[in-house]
Amino acid sequence: MSLSLKNVRKSYLLPDGTRLPILGIRSFEVNPGEQVALVGSSGGGKTTLLNAIAGITTIDEGEIRVDGIEISRLPEPSRDRFRAERIGIVFQTFHLLPAFSALENVLLGMSFSGKANRARAKELLERVGLGQRLDHRPAKLSVGEQQRVAVARALANSPKLMLADEPTASVDTANQSKILELIRTACRENGVSLLLVTHAPEVAAAFDRVETLSQFNQPGQFSPQGVAS
């Protein structure tokens, strides 16, 4: 499996000392090369789930495997390196550095894994239609073009898994389908599995496999022993 979750639980400690359960997932998998849309409402745990898969957020218990490696058991420095080498992330907000060009932003994304490759960065930007905009800083790019830079950066280190967090939320309706097709095509051409989370049914409708987070995420009810908590 490109991605496998087993008995995953995550909660947050509230100021009054009680815990707020966010994730309670008995089982969830994404196969190599598969593209999955995950639909959920705001505040339903979508971003927490992606952060847990990426190793940005730790889980309380359970197992998360990416490309066969149990990322949930790695120490933080190892999780950071693993994420840089094997997981691509497209955020809702692009997180481009404003003082750097499109090409430099992609190269910086590569640098976290120690594999900065100028030729590959240029190739990826050309592939997403920005071959003539390599030296433009984000302020000189349209919103749609900035998202394209973010997609190229996410593919820079040849990840095994792409996580996309509401990637069309910051673009207008006219560009929504273009960005979605760009991400899906780029993943397909590079053999990358894709897990895309969205609250928009029209975005999910483009996928063959659509999952609803509330159907398999039961925070506060699921425990590995099957006892409600």
C-alpha atoms as a PDB file:
ATOM      1  CA  MET A   1       0.000   0.000   0.000  1.00  0.00           C
ATOM      2  CA  SER A   2       1.112   3.571  -0.610  1.00  0.00           C
ATOM      3  CA  LEU A   3      -0.828   4.502   2.517  1.00  0.00           C
ATOM      4  CA  SER A   4      -2.250   2.412   5.343  1.00  0.00           C
ATOM      5  CA  LEU A   5      -3.886   3.525   8.601  1.00  0.00           C
ATOM      6  CA  LYS A   6      -4.763   1.068  11.350  1.00  0.00           C
ATOM      7  CA  ASN A   7      -6.446   1.882  14.677  1.00  0.00           C
ATOM      8  CA  VAL A   8      -5.466   5.555  14.529  1.00  0.00           C
ATOM      9  CA  ARG A   9      -6.605   7.875  17.296  1.00  0.00           C
ATOM     10  CA  LYS A  10      -5.843  11.557  17.803  1.00  0.00           C
ATOM     11  CA  SER A  11      -7.179  14.025  20.371  1.00  0.00           C
ATOM     12  CA  TYR A  12      -6.275  17.464  21.674  1.00  0.00           C
ATOM     13  CA  LEU A  13      -5.994  18.555  25.293  1.00  0.00           C
ATOM     14  CA  LEU A  14      -8.406  21.395  26.123  1.00  0.00           C
ATOM     15  CA  PRO A  15      -7.697  24.174  28.674  1.00  0.00           C
ATOM     16  CA  ASP A  16     -10.070  22.559  31.187  1.00  0.00           C
ATOM     17  CA  GLY A  17      -8.023  19.351  31.119  1.00  0.00           C
ATOM     18  CA  THR A  18     -10.438  17.267  29.067  1.00  0.00           C
ATOM     19  CA  ARG A  19      -9.493  15.787  25.703  1.00  0.00           C
ATOM     20  CA  LEU A  20     -11.269  16.539  22.424  1.00  0.00           C
ATOM     21  CA  PRO A  21     -11.200  13.472  20.122  1.00  0.00           C
ATOM     22  CA  ILE A  22     -10.505  14.344  16.472  1.00  0.00           C
ATOM     23  CA  LEU A  23      -9.586  11.092  14.747  1.00  0.00           C
ATOM     24  CA  GLY A  24     -10.792   7.547  15.352  1.00  0.00           C
ATOM     25  CA  ILE A  25      -9.967   5.494  12.265  1.00  0.00           C
ATOM     26  CA  ARG A  26     -10.035   1.715  12.350  1.00  0.00           C
ATOM     27  CA  SER A  27      -8.750   1.172   8.802  1.00  0.00           C
ATOM     28  CA  PHE A  28      -8.052   3.225   5.669  1.00  0.00           C
ATOM     29  CA  GLU A  29      -5.834   2.465   2.663  1.00  0.00           C
ATOM     30  CA  VAL A  30      -4.705   4.013  -0.616  1.00  0.00           C
ATOM     31  CA  ASN A  31      -3.153   1.702  -3.224  1.00  0.00           C
ATOM     32  CA  PRO A  32      -0.078   2.556  -5.316  1.00  0.00           C
ATOM     33  CA  GLY A  33      -1.054   4.973  -8.082  1.00  0.00           C
ATOM     34  CA  GLU A  34      -4.613   5.309  -6.780  1.00  0.00           C
ATOM     35  CA  GLN A  35      -6.354   8.695  -6.621  1.00  0.00           C
ATOM     36  CA  VAL A  36      -8.823   9.214  -3.789  1.00  0.00           C
ATOM     37  CA  ALA A  37     -11.045  12.180  -2.938  1.00  0.00           C
ATOM     38  CA  LEU A  38     -11.910  12.530   0.734  1.00  0.00           C
ATOM     39  CA  VAL A  39     -14.963  14.679   1.478  1.00  0.00           C
ATOM     40  CA  GLY A  40     -15.548  16.259   4.846  1.00  0.00           C
ATOM     41  CA  SER A  41     -17.013  19.363   6.426  1.00  0.00           C
ATOM     42  CA  SER A  42     -14.949  22.154   7.972  1.00  0.00           C
ATOM     43  CA  GLY A  43     -13.736  21.149  11.405  1.00  0.00           C
ATOM     44  CA  GLY A  44     -14.293  17.470  10.652  1.00  0.00           C
ATOM     45  CA  GLY A  45     -10.648  16.460  10.996  1.00  0.00           C
ATOM     46  CA  LYS A  46      -9.516  16.551   7.341  1.00  0.00           C
ATOM     47  CA  THR A  47      -6.445  18.700   7.893  1.00  0.00           C
ATOM     48  CA  THR A  48      -5.535  16.875  11.119  1.00  0.00           C
ATOM     49  CA  LEU A  49      -5.668  13.614   9.183  1.00  0.00           C
ATOM     50  CA  LEU A  50      -3.362  14.904   6.442  1.00  0.00           C
ATOM     51  CA  ASN A  51      -0.953  16.348   9.017  1.00  0.00           C
ATOM     52  CA  ALA A  52      -0.863  12.981  10.793  1.00  0.00           C
ATOM     53  CA  ILE A  53      -0.171  11.131   7.534  1.00  0.00           C
ATOM     54  CA  ALA A  54       2.614  13.598   6.714  1.00  0.00           C
ATOM     55  CA  GLY A  55       4.144  13.240  10.166  1.00  0.00           C
ATOM     56  CA  ILE A  56       3.590  16.904  10.986  1.00  0.00           C
ATOM     57  CA  THR A  57       1.215  15.931  13.796  1.00  0.00           C
ATOM     58  CA  THR A  58       1.782  12.935  16.057  1.00  0.00           C
ATOM     59  CA  ILE A  59      -1.042  10.504  16.853  1.00  0.00           C
ATOM     60  CA  ASP A  60      -2.088   9.184  20.256  1.00  0.00           C
ATOM     61  CA  GLU A  61      -2.054   5.566  19.156  1.00  0.00           C
ATOM     62  CA  GLY A  62      -2.276   3.371  16.087  1.00  0.00           C
ATOM     63  CA  GLU A  63      -0.205   2.888  12.955  1.00  0.00           C
ATOM     64  CA  ILE A  64       0.319   5.012   9.845  1.00  0.00           C
ATOM     65  CA  ARG A  65       2.430   3.532   7.061  1.00  0.00           C
ATOM     66  CA  VAL A  66       3.534   5.436   3.969  1.00  0.00           C
ATOM     67  CA  ASP A  67       5.377   3.492   1.251  1.00  0.00           C
ATOM     68  CA  GLY A  68       5.743   0.625   3.736  1.00  0.00           C
ATOM     69  CA  ILE A  69       7.399   2.738   6.447  1.00  0.00           C
ATOM     70  CA  GLU A  70       5.596   3.268   9.753  1.00  0.00           C
ATOM     71  CA  ILE A  71       5.970   7.043   9.903  1.00  0.00           C
ATOM     72  CA  SER A  72       3.980   7.252  13.137  1.00  0.00           C
ATOM     73  CA  ARG A  73       6.860   5.611  15.043  1.00  0.00           C
ATOM     74  CA  LEU A  74       9.688   7.729  13.654  1.00  0.00           C
ATOM     75  CA  PRO A  75      11.287  10.483  15.779  1.00  0.00           C
ATOM     76  CA  GLU A  76      10.617  14.037  14.594  1.00  0.00           C
ATOM     77  CA  PRO A  77      13.887  14.565  12.624  1.00  0.00           C
ATOM     78  CA  SER A  78      13.330  11.268  10.798  1.00  0.00           C
ATOM     79  CA  ARG A  79       9.694  12.185  10.066  1.00  0.00           C
ATOM     80  CA  ASP A  80      10.818  15.501   8.614  1.00  0.00           C
ATOM     81  CA  ARG A  81      13.344  13.823   6.316  1.00  0.00           C
ATOM     82  CA  PHE A  82      10.897  11.093   5.319  1.00  0.00           C
ATOM     83  CA  ARG A  83       8.269  13.716   4.457  1.00  0.00           C
ATOM     84  CA  ALA A  84      10.774  15.680   2.380  1.00  0.00           C
ATOM     85  CA  GLU A  85      11.804  12.592   0.431  1.00  0.00           C
ATOM     86  CA  ARG A  86       8.561  10.644  -0.066  1.00  0.00           C
ATOM     87  CA  ILE A  87       5.517  12.864   0.501  1.00  0.00           C
ATOM     88  CA  GLY A  88       4.402  15.796  -1.630  1.00  0.00           C
ATOM     89  CA  ILE A  89       1.979  18.297  -0.120  1.00  0.00           C
ATOM     90  CA  VAL A  90      -0.196  20.871  -1.881  1.00  0.00           C
ATOM     91  CA  PHE A  91      -1.639  23.254   0.684  1.00  0.00           C
ATOM     92  CA  GLN A  92      -4.792  25.344   0.474  1.00  0.00           C
ATOM     93  CA  THR A  93      -2.546  28.369   0.921  1.00  0.00           C
ATOM     94  CA  PHE A  94       0.479  27.984  -1.301  1.00  0.00           C
ATOM     95  CA  HIS A  95       3.272  28.856   1.182  1.00  0.00           C
ATOM     96  CA  LEU A  96       5.473  30.289  -1.567  1.00  0.00           C
ATOM     97  CA  LEU A  97       8.312  32.517  -0.375  1.00  0.00           C
ATOM     98  CA  PRO A  98       7.600  35.994  -1.771  1.00  0.00           C
ATOM     99  CA  ALA A  99      11.233  37.053  -2.161  1.00  0.00           C
ATOM    100  CA  PHE A 100      12.091  34.092  -4.381  1.00  0.00           C
ATOM    101  CA  SER A 101      11.249  33.269  -7.994  1.00  0.00           C
ATOM    102  CA  ALA A 102       9.112  30.340  -9.106  1.00  0.00           C
ATOM    103  CA  LEU A 103      12.254  28.356  -9.911  1.00  0.00           C
ATOM    104  CA  GLU A 104      13.859  29.203  -6.574  1.00  0.00           C
ATOM    105  CA  ASN A 105      10.729  28.172  -4.675  1.00  0.00           C
ATOM    106  CA  VAL A 106      10.850  24.729  -6.291  1.00  0.00           C
ATOM    107  CA  LEU A 107      14.593  24.430  -5.640  1.00  0.00           C
ATOM    108  CA  LEU A 108      14.053  25.316  -1.994  1.00  0.00           C
ATOM    109  CA  GLY A 109      11.469  22.568  -1.757  1.00  0.00           C
ATOM    110  CA  MET A 110      14.107  20.154  -3.047  1.00  0.00           C
ATOM    111  CA  SER A 111      16.755  21.355  -0.615  1.00  0.00           C
ATOM    112  CA  PHE A 112      15.034  19.812   2.415  1.00  0.00           C
ATOM    113  CA  SER A 113      15.954  16.362   1.110  1.00  0.00           C
ATOM    114  CA  GLY A 114      19.395  17.477  -0.030  1.00  0.00           C
ATOM    115  CA  LYS A 115      18.604  16.767  -3.680  1.00  0.00           C
ATOM    116  CA  ALA A 116      18.314  20.225  -5.278  1.00  0.00           C
ATOM    117  CA  ASN A 117      18.345  19.746  -9.042  1.00  0.00           C
ATOM    118  CA  ARG A 118      17.952  22.856 -11.189  1.00  0.00           C
ATOM    119  CA  ALA A 119      17.275  20.926 -14.391  1.00  0.00           C
ATOM    120  CA  ARG A 120      14.467  18.909 -12.787  1.00  0.00           C
ATOM    121  CA  ALA A 121      12.966  22.046 -11.214  1.00  0.00           C
ATOM    122  CA  LYS A 122      12.848  23.726 -14.630  1.00  0.00           C
ATOM    123  CA  GLU A 123      11.374  20.598 -16.211  1.00  0.00           C
ATOM    124  CA  LEU A 124       8.579  20.443 -13.635  1.00  0.00           C
ATOM    125  CA  LEU A 125       7.703  24.109 -14.064  1.00  0.00           C
ATOM    126  CA  GLU A 126       7.639  23.670 -17.836  1.00  0.00           C
ATOM    127  CA  ARG A 127       5.388  20.629 -17.377  1.00  0.00           C
ATOM    128  CA  VAL A 128       2.852  22.716 -15.441  1.00  0.00           C
ATOM    129  CA  GLY A 129       2.935  25.454 -18.063  1.00  0.00           C
ATOM    130  CA  LEU A 130       5.290  27.933 -16.409  1.00  0.00           C
ATOM    131  CA  GLY A 131       8.343  27.541 -18.612  1.00  0.00           C
ATOM    132  CA  GLN A 132       8.238  31.251 -19.459  1.00  0.00           C
ATOM    133  CA  ARG A 133       7.686  32.344 -15.841  1.00  0.00           C
ATOM    134  CA  LEU A 134      10.672  30.742 -14.115  1.00  0.00           C
ATOM    135  CA  ASP A 135      12.128  34.022 -12.864  1.00  0.00           C
ATOM    136  CA  HIS A 136       8.837  35.585 -11.738  1.00  0.00           C
ATOM    137  CA  ARG A 137       8.220  36.058  -8.040  1.00  0.00           C
ATOM    138  CA  PRO A 138       4.811  35.064  -6.596  1.00  0.00           C
ATOM    139  CA  ALA A 139       3.521  38.671  -6.631  1.00  0.00           C
ATOM    140  CA  LYS A 140       3.960  38.689 -10.412  1.00  0.00           C
ATOM    141  CA  LEU A 141       2.047  35.438 -10.860  1.00  0.00           C
ATOM    142  CA  SER A 142      -1.708  34.920 -10.932  1.00  0.00           C
ATOM    143  CA  VAL A 143      -3.336  32.820  -8.211  1.00  0.00           C
ATOM    144  CA  GLY A 144      -3.635  29.929 -10.640  1.00  0.00           C
ATOM    145  CA  GLU A 145       0.044  30.236 -11.578  1.00  0.00           C
ATOM    146  CA  GLN A 146       1.053  30.275  -7.918  1.00  0.00           C
ATOM    147  CA  GLN A 147      -0.860  27.050  -7.405  1.00  0.00           C
ATOM    148  CA  ARG A 148       1.025  25.560 -10.356  1.00  0.00           C
ATOM    149  CA  VAL A 149       4.318  26.442  -8.694  1.00  0.00           C
ATOM    150  CA  ALA A 150       3.066  24.727  -5.536  1.00  0.00           C
ATOM    151  CA  VAL A 151       2.224  21.581  -7.526  1.00  0.00           C
ATOM    152  CA  ALA A 152       5.664  21.550  -9.175  1.00  0.00           C
ATOM    153  CA  ARG A 153       7.317  21.978  -5.768  1.00  0.00           C
ATOM    154  CA  ALA A 154       5.268  19.096  -4.323  1.00  0.00           C
ATOM    155  CA  LEU A 155       6.498  16.810  -7.136  1.00  0.00           C
ATOM    156  CA  ALA A 156      10.099  17.978  -6.939  1.00  0.00           C
ATOM    157  CA  ASN A 157      11.477  15.096  -4.871  1.00  0.00           C
ATOM    158  CA  SER A 158       9.592  12.328  -6.731  1.00  0.00           C
ATOM    159  CA  PRO A 159       7.254  11.497  -3.833  1.00  0.00           C
ATOM    160  CA  LYS A 160       5.378   8.228  -3.486  1.00  0.00           C
ATOM    161  CA  LEU A 161       2.288   9.953  -2.076  1.00  0.00           C
ATOM    162  CA  MET A 162       0.713  13.355  -2.760  1.00  0.00           C
ATOM    163  CA  LEU A 163      -1.502  14.980  -0.127  1.00  0.00           C
ATOM    164  CA  ALA A 164      -3.692  17.848  -1.339  1.00  0.00           C
ATOM    165  CA  ASP A 165      -5.557  19.941   1.246  1.00  0.00           C
ATOM    166  CA  GLU A 166      -8.449  21.823  -0.423  1.00  0.00           C
ATOM    167  CA  PRO A 167      -6.141  22.723  -3.352  1.00  0.00           C
ATOM    168  CA  THR A 168      -8.872  24.488  -5.352  1.00  0.00           C
ATOM    169  CA  ALA A 169     -10.239  26.599  -2.489  1.00  0.00           C
ATOM    170  CA  SER A 170      -8.078  29.624  -3.330  1.00  0.00           C
ATOM    171  CA  VAL A 171      -8.818  29.742  -7.063  1.00  0.00           C
ATOM    172  CA  ASP A 172     -11.908  30.924  -8.898  1.00  0.00           C
ATOM    173  CA  THR A 173     -14.381  28.542 -10.512  1.00  0.00           C
ATOM    174  CA  ALA A 174     -12.827  29.005 -13.949  1.00  0.00           C
ATOM    175  CA  ASN A 175      -9.445  27.764 -12.698  1.00  0.00           C
ATOM    176  CA  GLN A 176     -10.762  25.090 -10.328  1.00  0.00           C
ATOM    177  CA  SER A 177     -11.057  22.324 -12.903  1.00  0.00           C
ATOM    178  CA  LYS A 178      -7.699  23.282 -14.462  1.00  0.00           C
ATOM    179  CA  ILE A 179      -5.853  23.002 -11.144  1.00  0.00           C
ATOM    180  CA  LEU A 180      -7.599  19.748 -10.304  1.00  0.00           C
ATOM    181  CA  GLU A 181      -6.706  18.211 -13.662  1.00  0.00           C
ATOM    182  CA  LEU A 182      -3.139  19.501 -13.334  1.00  0.00           C
ATOM    183  CA  ILE A 183      -2.674  17.741  -9.986  1.00  0.00           C
ATOM    184  CA  ARG A 184      -4.299  14.514 -11.153  1.00  0.00           C
ATOM    185  CA  THR A 185      -2.363  14.399 -14.434  1.00  0.00           C
ATOM    186  CA  ALA A 186       0.947  15.194 -12.740  1.00  0.00           C
ATOM    187  CA  CYS A 187       0.391  12.388 -10.221  1.00  0.00           C
ATOM    188  CA  ARG A 188      -0.676   9.951 -12.926  1.00  0.00           C
ATOM    189  CA  GLU A 189       2.341  10.711 -15.139  1.00  0.00           C
ATOM    190  CA  ASN A 190       4.747  10.353 -12.214  1.00  0.00           C
ATOM    191  CA  GLY A 191       3.154   7.246 -10.679  1.00  0.00           C
ATOM    192  CA  VAL A 192       2.268   9.102  -7.488  1.00  0.00           C
ATOM    193  CA  SER A 193      -0.688   8.110  -5.293  1.00  0.00           C
ATOM    194  CA  LEU A 194      -3.026  10.991  -4.492  1.00  0.00           C
ATOM    195  CA  LEU A 195      -5.202  11.709  -1.463  1.00  0.00           C
ATOM    196  CA  LEU A 196      -7.143  14.932  -1.941  1.00  0.00           C
ATOM    197  CA  VAL A 197      -9.419  16.348   0.754  1.00  0.00           C
ATOM    198  CA  THR A 198     -12.237  18.721  -0.089  1.00  0.00           C
ATOM    199  CA  HIS A 199     -15.603  19.952   1.132  1.00  0.00           C
ATOM    200  CA  ALA A 200     -16.787  20.518  -2.462  1.00  0.00           C
ATOM    201  CA  PRO A 201     -18.890  17.726  -4.055  1.00  0.00           C
ATOM    202  CA  GLU A 202     -18.107  19.020  -7.549  1.00  0.00           C
ATOM    203  CA  VAL A 203     -14.387  18.491  -6.921  1.00  0.00           C
ATOM    204  CA  ALA A 204     -14.891  14.985  -5.542  1.00  0.00           C
ATOM    205  CA  ALA A 205     -17.099  14.084  -8.519  1.00  0.00           C
ATOM    206  CA  ALA A 206     -14.031  14.000 -10.774  1.00  0.00           C
ATOM    207  CA  PHE A 207     -12.634  10.974  -8.899  1.00  0.00           C
ATOM    208  CA  ASP A 208     -13.452   7.291  -9.359  1.00  0.00           C
ATOM    209  CA  ARG A 209     -13.016   6.656  -5.628  1.00  0.00           C
ATOM    210  CA  VAL A 210     -14.713   9.069  -3.241  1.00  0.00           C
ATOM    211  CA  GLU A 211     -14.740   8.569   0.525  1.00  0.00           C
ATOM    212  CA  THR A 212     -16.658  10.553   3.143  1.00  0.00           C
ATOM    213  CA  LEU A 213     -14.556  11.150   6.239  1.00  0.00           C
ATOM    214  CA  SER A 214     -17.484  10.849   8.637  1.00  0.00           C
ATOM    215  CA  GLN A 215     -18.188   7.307   7.422  1.00  0.00           C
ATOM    216  CA  PHE A 216     -14.910   5.855   8.698  1.00  0.00           C
ATOM    217  CA  ASN A 217     -13.727   8.460  11.197  1.00  0.00           C
ATOM    218  CA  GLN A 218     -15.447   7.879  14.554  1.00  0.00           C
ATOM    219  CA  PRO A 219     -13.636  10.009  17.142  1.00  0.00           C
ATOM    220  CA  GLY A 220     -14.702   9.319  20.705  1.00  0.00           C
ATOM    221  CA  GLN A 221     -16.424   6.054  19.721  1.00  0.00           C
ATOM    222  CA  PHE A 222     -13.683   3.883  18.281  1.00  0.00           C
ATOM    223  CA  SER A 223     -10.927   2.223  20.258  1.00  0.00           C
ATOM    224  CA  PRO A 224      -8.642  -0.616  19.149  1.00  0.00           C
ATOM    225  CA  GLN A 225     -10.412  -2.897  21.627  1.00  0.00           C
ATOM    226  CA  GLY A 226     -13.794  -1.844  20.246  1.00  0.00           C
ATOM    227  CA  VAL A 227     -14.797  -0.114  23.495  1.00  0.00           C
ATOM    228  CA  ALA A 228     -16.390   3.336  23.315  1.00  0.00           C
ATOM    229  CA  SER A 229     -14.437   6.064  25.040  1.00  0.00           C
END
